[in-house]
């Protein structure tokens, strides 16, 4: 079983979990390890595809 805390993993990947509402953090905290991996991968690919300087990118209500 994967013991990673989803919020810690997402924060380490650059997702500003501290800026989310309690309700949004609760949803993210319940993600499976596979879902966390997909979200991190999507965020990484979006970052790679974008310009070097970006203010914020909103995807599904989450800012990257």
PDB file of N, CA and C in Angstrom:
ATOM      1  N   UNK A   1       0.843  -1.195   0.000  1.00  0.00           N
ATOM      2  CA  UNK A   1       0.000   0.000   0.000  1.00  0.00           C
ATOM      3  C   UNK A   1       0.881   1.248   0.000  1.00  0.00           C
ATOM      4  N   UNK A   2       0.479   2.255  -0.748  1.00  0.00           N
ATOM      5  CA  UNK A   2       1.210   3.509  -0.853  1.00  0.00           C
ATOM      6  C   UNK A   2       0.857   4.383   0.352  1.00  0.00           C
ATOM      7  N   UNK A   3       1.864   4.823   1.090  1.00  0.00           N
ATOM      8  CA  UNK A   3       1.633   5.602   2.308  1.00  0.00           C
ATOM      9  C   UNK A   3       1.825   7.103   2.112  1.00  0.00           C
ATOM     10  N   UNK A   4       2.023   7.530   0.868  1.00  0.00           N
ATOM     11  CA  UNK A   4       2.231   8.961   0.625  1.00  0.00           C
ATOM     12  C   UNK A   4       0.974   9.759   0.965  1.00  0.00           C
ATOM     13  N   UNK A   5       1.167  10.914   1.577  1.00  0.00           N
ATOM     14  CA  UNK A   5       0.061  11.822   1.838  1.00  0.00           C
ATOM     15  C   UNK A   5      -0.196  12.594   0.546  1.00  0.00           C
ATOM     16  N   UNK A   6      -1.394  12.469  -0.028  1.00  0.00           N
ATOM     17  CA  UNK A   6      -1.670  13.137  -1.306  1.00  0.00           C
ATOM     18  C   UNK A   6      -1.391  14.639  -1.276  1.00  0.00           C
ATOM     19  N   UNK A   7      -1.736  15.305  -0.186  1.00  0.00           N
ATOM     20  CA  UNK A   7      -1.522  16.747  -0.117  1.00  0.00           C
ATOM     21  C   UNK A   7      -0.032  17.089  -0.103  1.00  0.00           C
ATOM     22  N   UNK A   8       0.755  16.282   0.588  1.00  0.00           N
ATOM     23  CA  UNK A   8       2.207  16.515   0.616  1.00  0.00           C
ATOM     24  C   UNK A   8       2.812  16.319  -0.774  1.00  0.00           C
ATOM     25  N   UNK A   9       2.376  15.271  -1.451  1.00  0.00           N
ATOM     26  CA  UNK A   9       2.899  14.986  -2.795  1.00  0.00           C
ATOM     27  C   UNK A   9       2.525  16.109  -3.753  1.00  0.00           C
ATOM     28  N   UNK A  10       1.276  16.554  -3.695  1.00  0.00           N
ATOM     29  CA  UNK A  10       0.818  17.616  -4.586  1.00  0.00           C
ATOM     30  C   UNK A  10       1.522  18.932  -4.277  1.00  0.00           C
ATOM     31  N   UNK A  11       1.725  19.224  -2.992  1.00  0.00           N
ATOM     32  CA  UNK A  11       2.441  20.446  -2.616  1.00  0.00           C
ATOM     33  C   UNK A  11       3.878  20.398  -3.115  1.00  0.00           C
ATOM     34  N   UNK A  12       4.523  19.238  -2.977  1.00  0.00           N
ATOM     35  CA  UNK A  12       5.905  19.088  -3.434  1.00  0.00           C
ATOM     36  C   UNK A  12       6.014  19.248  -4.948  1.00  0.00           C
ATOM     37  N   UNK A  13       4.926  18.966  -5.662  1.00  0.00           N
ATOM     38  CA  UNK A  13       4.942  19.103  -7.126  1.00  0.00           C
ATOM     39  C   UNK A  13       4.635  20.528  -7.569  1.00  0.00           C
ATOM     40  N   UNK A  14       4.321  21.408  -6.623  1.00  0.00           N
ATOM     41  CA  UNK A  14       4.071  22.804  -6.961  1.00  0.00           C
ATOM     42  C   UNK A  14       2.626  23.236  -6.867  1.00  0.00           C
ATOM     43  N   UNK A  15       1.720  22.327  -6.548  1.00  0.00           N
ATOM     44  CA  UNK A  15       0.316  22.704  -6.403  1.00  0.00           C
ATOM     45  C   UNK A  15       0.159  23.488  -5.100  1.00  0.00           C
ATOM     46  N   UNK A  16      -0.393  24.702  -5.162  1.00  0.00           N
ATOM     47  CA  UNK A  16      -0.509  25.536  -3.962  1.00  0.00           C
ATOM     48  C   UNK A  16      -1.669  25.094  -3.063  1.00  0.00           C
ATOM     49  N   UNK A  17      -1.508  23.956  -2.411  1.00  0.00           N
ATOM     50  CA  UNK A  17      -2.597  23.396  -1.609  1.00  0.00           C
ATOM     51  C   UNK A  17      -3.008  24.321  -0.470  1.00  0.00           C
ATOM     52  N   UNK A  18      -2.091  25.154  -0.004  1.00  0.00           N
ATOM     53  CA  UNK A  18      -2.418  26.088   1.066  1.00  0.00           C
ATOM     54  C   UNK A  18      -3.401  27.163   0.649  1.00  0.00           C
ATOM     55  N   UNK A  19      -3.543  27.382  -0.640  1.00  0.00           N
ATOM     56  CA  UNK A  19      -4.454  28.404  -1.144  1.00  0.00           C
ATOM     57  C   UNK A  19      -5.843  27.843  -1.455  1.00  0.00           C
ATOM     58  N   UNK A  20      -6.006  26.539  -1.318  1.00  0.00           N
ATOM     59  CA  UNK A  20      -7.289  25.907  -1.610  1.00  0.00           C
ATOM     60  C   UNK A  20      -8.196  25.976  -0.397  1.00  0.00           C
ATOM     61  N   UNK A  21      -9.480  25.814  -0.628  1.00  0.00           N
ATOM     62  CA  UNK A  21     -10.427  25.776   0.479  1.00  0.00           C
ATOM     63  C   UNK A  21     -10.290  24.455   1.225  1.00  0.00           C
ATOM     64  N   UNK A  22     -10.812  24.419   2.432  1.00  0.00           N
ATOM     65  CA  UNK A  22     -10.792  23.171   3.199  1.00  0.00           C
ATOM     66  C   UNK A  22     -11.479  22.052   2.429  1.00  0.00           C
ATOM     67  N   UNK A  23     -12.572  22.389   1.766  1.00  0.00           N
ATOM     68  CA  UNK A  23     -13.315  21.392   1.013  1.00  0.00           C
ATOM     69  C   UNK A  23     -12.486  20.846  -0.147  1.00  0.00           C
ATOM     70  N   UNK A  24     -11.769  21.723  -0.843  1.00  0.00           N
ATOM     71  CA  UNK A  24     -10.928  21.277  -1.956  1.00  0.00           C
ATOM     72  C   UNK A  24      -9.789  20.393  -1.443  1.00  0.00           C
ATOM     73  N   UNK A  25      -9.188  20.772  -0.305  1.00  0.00           N
ATOM     74  CA  UNK A  25      -8.119  19.941   0.271  1.00  0.00           C
ATOM     75  C   UNK A  25      -8.650  18.575   0.702  1.00  0.00           C
ATOM     76  N   UNK A  26      -9.871  18.527   1.204  1.00  0.00           N
ATOM     77  CA  UNK A  26     -10.470  17.243   1.584  1.00  0.00           C
ATOM     78  C   UNK A  26     -10.618  16.330   0.373  1.00  0.00           C
ATOM     79  N   UNK A  27     -11.041  16.898  -0.749  1.00  0.00           N
ATOM     80  CA  UNK A  27     -11.177  16.108  -1.979  1.00  0.00           C
ATOM     81  C   UNK A  27      -9.816  15.566  -2.396  1.00  0.00           C
ATOM     82  N   UNK A  28      -8.803  16.435  -2.419  1.00  0.00           N
ATOM     83  CA  UNK A  28      -7.469  16.006  -2.829  1.00  0.00           C
ATOM     84  C   UNK A  28      -6.880  14.992  -1.861  1.00  0.00           C
ATOM     85  N   UNK A  29      -7.171  15.122  -0.582  1.00  0.00           N
ATOM     86  CA  UNK A  29      -6.633  14.202   0.423  1.00  0.00           C
ATOM     87  C   UNK A  29      -7.163  12.781   0.231  1.00  0.00           C
ATOM     88  N   UNK A  30      -8.297  12.651  -0.440  1.00  0.00           N
ATOM     89  CA  UNK A  30      -8.898  11.331  -0.666  1.00  0.00           C
ATOM     90  C   UNK A  30      -8.508  10.701  -2.007  1.00  0.00           C
ATOM     91  N   UNK A  31      -7.649  11.378  -2.771  1.00  0.00           N
ATOM     92  CA  UNK A  31      -7.234  10.823  -4.056  1.00  0.00           C
ATOM     93  C   UNK A  31      -6.410   9.560  -3.848  1.00  0.00           C
ATOM     94  N   UNK A  32      -6.563   8.633  -4.771  1.00  0.00           N
ATOM     95  CA  UNK A  32      -5.750   7.418  -4.745  1.00  0.00           C
ATOM     96  C   UNK A  32      -4.337   7.781  -5.196  1.00  0.00           C
ATOM     97  N   UNK A  33      -3.357   6.948  -4.878  1.00  0.00           N
ATOM     98  CA  UNK A  33      -1.992   7.208  -5.361  1.00  0.00           C
ATOM     99  C   UNK A  33      -1.929   7.350  -6.882  1.00  0.00           C
ATOM    100  N   UNK A  34      -2.717   6.578  -7.598  1.00  0.00           N
ATOM    101  CA  UNK A  34      -2.731   6.667  -9.050  1.00  0.00           C
ATOM    102  C   UNK A  34      -3.297   8.006  -9.511  1.00  0.00           C
ATOM    103  N   UNK A  35      -4.345   8.484  -8.850  1.00  0.00           N
ATOM    104  CA  UNK A  35      -4.929   9.773  -9.209  1.00  0.00           C
ATOM    105  C   UNK A  35      -3.943  10.911  -8.933  1.00  0.00           C
ATOM    106  N   UNK A  36      -3.223  10.821  -7.823  1.00  0.00           N
ATOM    107  CA  UNK A  36      -2.213  11.829  -7.496  1.00  0.00           C
ATOM    108  C   UNK A  36      -1.136  11.838  -8.570  1.00  0.00           C
ATOM    109  N   UNK A  37      -0.678  10.659  -8.960  1.00  0.00           N
ATOM    110  CA  UNK A  37       0.352  10.566  -9.998  1.00  0.00           C
ATOM    111  C   UNK A  37      -0.114  11.199 -11.302  1.00  0.00           C
ATOM    112  N   UNK A  38      -1.372  10.967 -11.670  1.00  0.00           N
ATOM    113  CA  UNK A  38      -1.914  11.546 -12.911  1.00  0.00           C
ATOM    114  C   UNK A  38      -1.965  13.065 -12.795  1.00  0.00           C
ATOM    115  N   UNK A  39      -2.440  13.575 -11.672  1.00  0.00           N
ATOM    116  CA  UNK A  39      -2.538  15.021 -11.487  1.00  0.00           C
ATOM    117  C   UNK A  39      -1.159  15.673 -11.520  1.00  0.00           C
ATOM    118  N   UNK A  40      -0.188  15.061 -10.874  1.00  0.00           N
ATOM    119  CA  UNK A  40       1.180  15.579 -10.885  1.00  0.00           C
ATOM    120  C   UNK A  40       1.740  15.557 -12.311  1.00  0.00           C
ATOM    121  N   UNK A  41       1.498  14.471 -13.023  1.00  0.00           N
ATOM    122  CA  UNK A  41       1.997  14.356 -14.393  1.00  0.00           C
ATOM    123  C   UNK A  41       1.370  15.407 -15.302  1.00  0.00           C
ATOM    124  N   UNK A  42       0.078  15.624 -15.173  1.00  0.00           N
ATOM    125  CA  UNK A  42      -0.600  16.632 -15.991  1.00  0.00           C
ATOM    126  C   UNK A  42      -0.046  18.016 -15.677  1.00  0.00           C
ATOM    127  N   UNK A  43       0.136  18.319 -14.404  1.00  0.00           N
ATOM    128  CA  UNK A  43       0.692  19.610 -14.021  1.00  0.00           C
ATOM    129  C   UNK A  43       2.086  19.810 -14.588  1.00  0.00           C
ATOM    130  N   UNK A  44       2.913  18.764 -14.553  1.00  0.00           N
ATOM    131  CA  UNK A  44       4.276  18.834 -15.097  1.00  0.00           C
ATOM    132  C   UNK A  44       4.237  19.086 -16.597  1.00  0.00           C
ATOM    133  N   UNK A  45       3.369  18.362 -17.298  1.00  0.00           N
ATOM    134  CA  UNK A  45       3.290  18.529 -18.756  1.00  0.00           C
ATOM    135  C   UNK A  45       2.769  19.911 -19.139  1.00  0.00           C
ATOM    136  N   UNK A  46       1.805  20.422 -18.381  1.00  0.00           N
ATOM    137  CA  UNK A  46       1.302  21.763 -18.656  1.00  0.00           C
ATOM    138  C   UNK A  46       2.402  22.795 -18.440  1.00  0.00           C
ATOM    139  N   UNK A  47       3.179  22.605 -17.386  1.00  0.00           N
ATOM    140  CA  UNK A  47       4.281  23.523 -17.109  1.00  0.00           C
ATOM    141  C   UNK A  47       5.323  23.478 -18.226  1.00  0.00           C
ATOM    142  N   UNK A  48       5.646  22.292 -18.687  1.00  0.00           N
ATOM    143  CA  UNK A  48       6.623  22.135 -19.767  1.00  0.00           C
ATOM    144  C   UNK A  48       6.135  22.744 -21.075  1.00  0.00           C
ATOM    145  N   UNK A  49       4.831  22.693 -21.317  1.00  0.00           N
ATOM    146  CA  UNK A  49       4.277  23.176 -22.576  1.00  0.00           C
ATOM    147  C   UNK A  49       4.084  24.688 -22.589  1.00  0.00           C
ATOM    148  N   UNK A  50       4.082  25.293 -21.404  1.00  0.00           N
ATOM    149  CA  UNK A  50       3.814  26.721 -21.329  1.00  0.00           C
ATOM    150  C   UNK A  50       5.066  27.563 -21.450  1.00  0.00           C
ATOM    151  N   UNK A  51       4.865  28.869 -21.517  1.00  0.00           N
ATOM    152  CA  UNK A  51       6.005  29.782 -21.561  1.00  0.00           C
ATOM    153  C   UNK A  51       6.778  29.731 -20.243  1.00  0.00           C
ATOM    154  N   UNK A  52       7.990  30.256 -20.267  1.00  0.00           N
ATOM    155  CA  UNK A  52       8.821  30.203 -19.067  1.00  0.00           C
ATOM    156  C   UNK A  52       8.240  31.002 -17.914  1.00  0.00           C
ATOM    157  N   UNK A  53       7.553  32.089 -18.197  1.00  0.00           N
ATOM    158  CA  UNK A  53       6.968  32.910 -17.144  1.00  0.00           C
ATOM    159  C   UNK A  53       5.457  32.907 -17.313  1.00  0.00           C
ATOM    160  N   UNK A  54       4.774  32.356 -16.310  1.00  0.00           N
ATOM    161  CA  UNK A  54       3.320  32.299 -16.318  1.00  0.00           C
ATOM    162  C   UNK A  54       2.841  32.737 -14.951  1.00  0.00           C
ATOM    163  N   UNK A  55       1.852  33.629 -14.914  1.00  0.00           N
ATOM    164  CA  UNK A  55       1.307  34.056 -13.632  1.00  0.00           C
ATOM    165  C   UNK A  55       0.644  32.888 -12.930  1.00  0.00           C
ATOM    166  N   UNK A  56      -0.413  32.374 -13.519  1.00  0.00           N
ATOM    167  CA  UNK A  56      -1.135  31.231 -12.983  1.00  0.00           C
ATOM    168  C   UNK A  56      -1.857  30.551 -14.130  1.00  0.00           C
ATOM    169  N   UNK A  57      -2.092  29.280 -13.966  1.00  0.00           N
ATOM    170  CA  UNK A  57      -2.850  28.508 -14.935  1.00  0.00           C
ATOM    171  C   UNK A  57      -3.940  27.789 -14.160  1.00  0.00           C
ATOM    172  N   UNK A  58      -5.204  27.994 -14.518  1.00  0.00           N
ATOM    173  CA  UNK A  58      -6.294  27.353 -13.811  1.00  0.00           C
ATOM    174  C   UNK A  58      -6.754  26.134 -14.596  1.00  0.00           C
ATOM    175  N   UNK A  59      -6.779  24.976 -13.935  1.00  0.00           N
ATOM    176  CA  UNK A  59      -7.250  23.743 -14.532  1.00  0.00           C
ATOM    177  C   UNK A  59      -8.224  23.112 -13.551  1.00  0.00           C
ATOM    178  N   UNK A  60      -9.470  23.007 -13.946  1.00  0.00           N
ATOM    179  CA  UNK A  60     -10.454  22.375 -13.073  1.00  0.00           C
ATOM    180  C   UNK A  60     -10.611  23.076 -11.742  1.00  0.00           C
ATOM    181  N   UNK A  61     -10.443  24.382 -11.712  1.00  0.00           N
ATOM    182  CA  UNK A  61     -10.580  25.129 -10.478  1.00  0.00           C
ATOM    183  C   UNK A  61      -9.314  25.150  -9.637  1.00  0.00           C
ATOM    184  N   UNK A  62      -8.255  24.496 -10.093  1.00  0.00           N
ATOM    185  CA  UNK A  62      -6.993  24.477  -9.365  1.00  0.00           C
ATOM    186  C   UNK A  62      -5.980  25.321 -10.110  1.00  0.00           C
ATOM    187  N   UNK A  63      -5.214  26.091  -9.367  1.00  0.00           N
ATOM    188  CA  UNK A  63      -4.187  26.927  -9.963  1.00  0.00           C
ATOM    189  C   UNK A  63      -2.859  26.210  -9.961  1.00  0.00           C
ATOM    190  N   UNK A  64      -2.148  26.287 -11.073  1.00  0.00           N
ATOM    191  CA  UNK A  64      -0.790  25.750 -11.192  1.00  0.00           C
ATOM    192  C   UNK A  64       0.135  26.892 -11.443  1.00  0.00           C
TER     193      UNK A  64
END
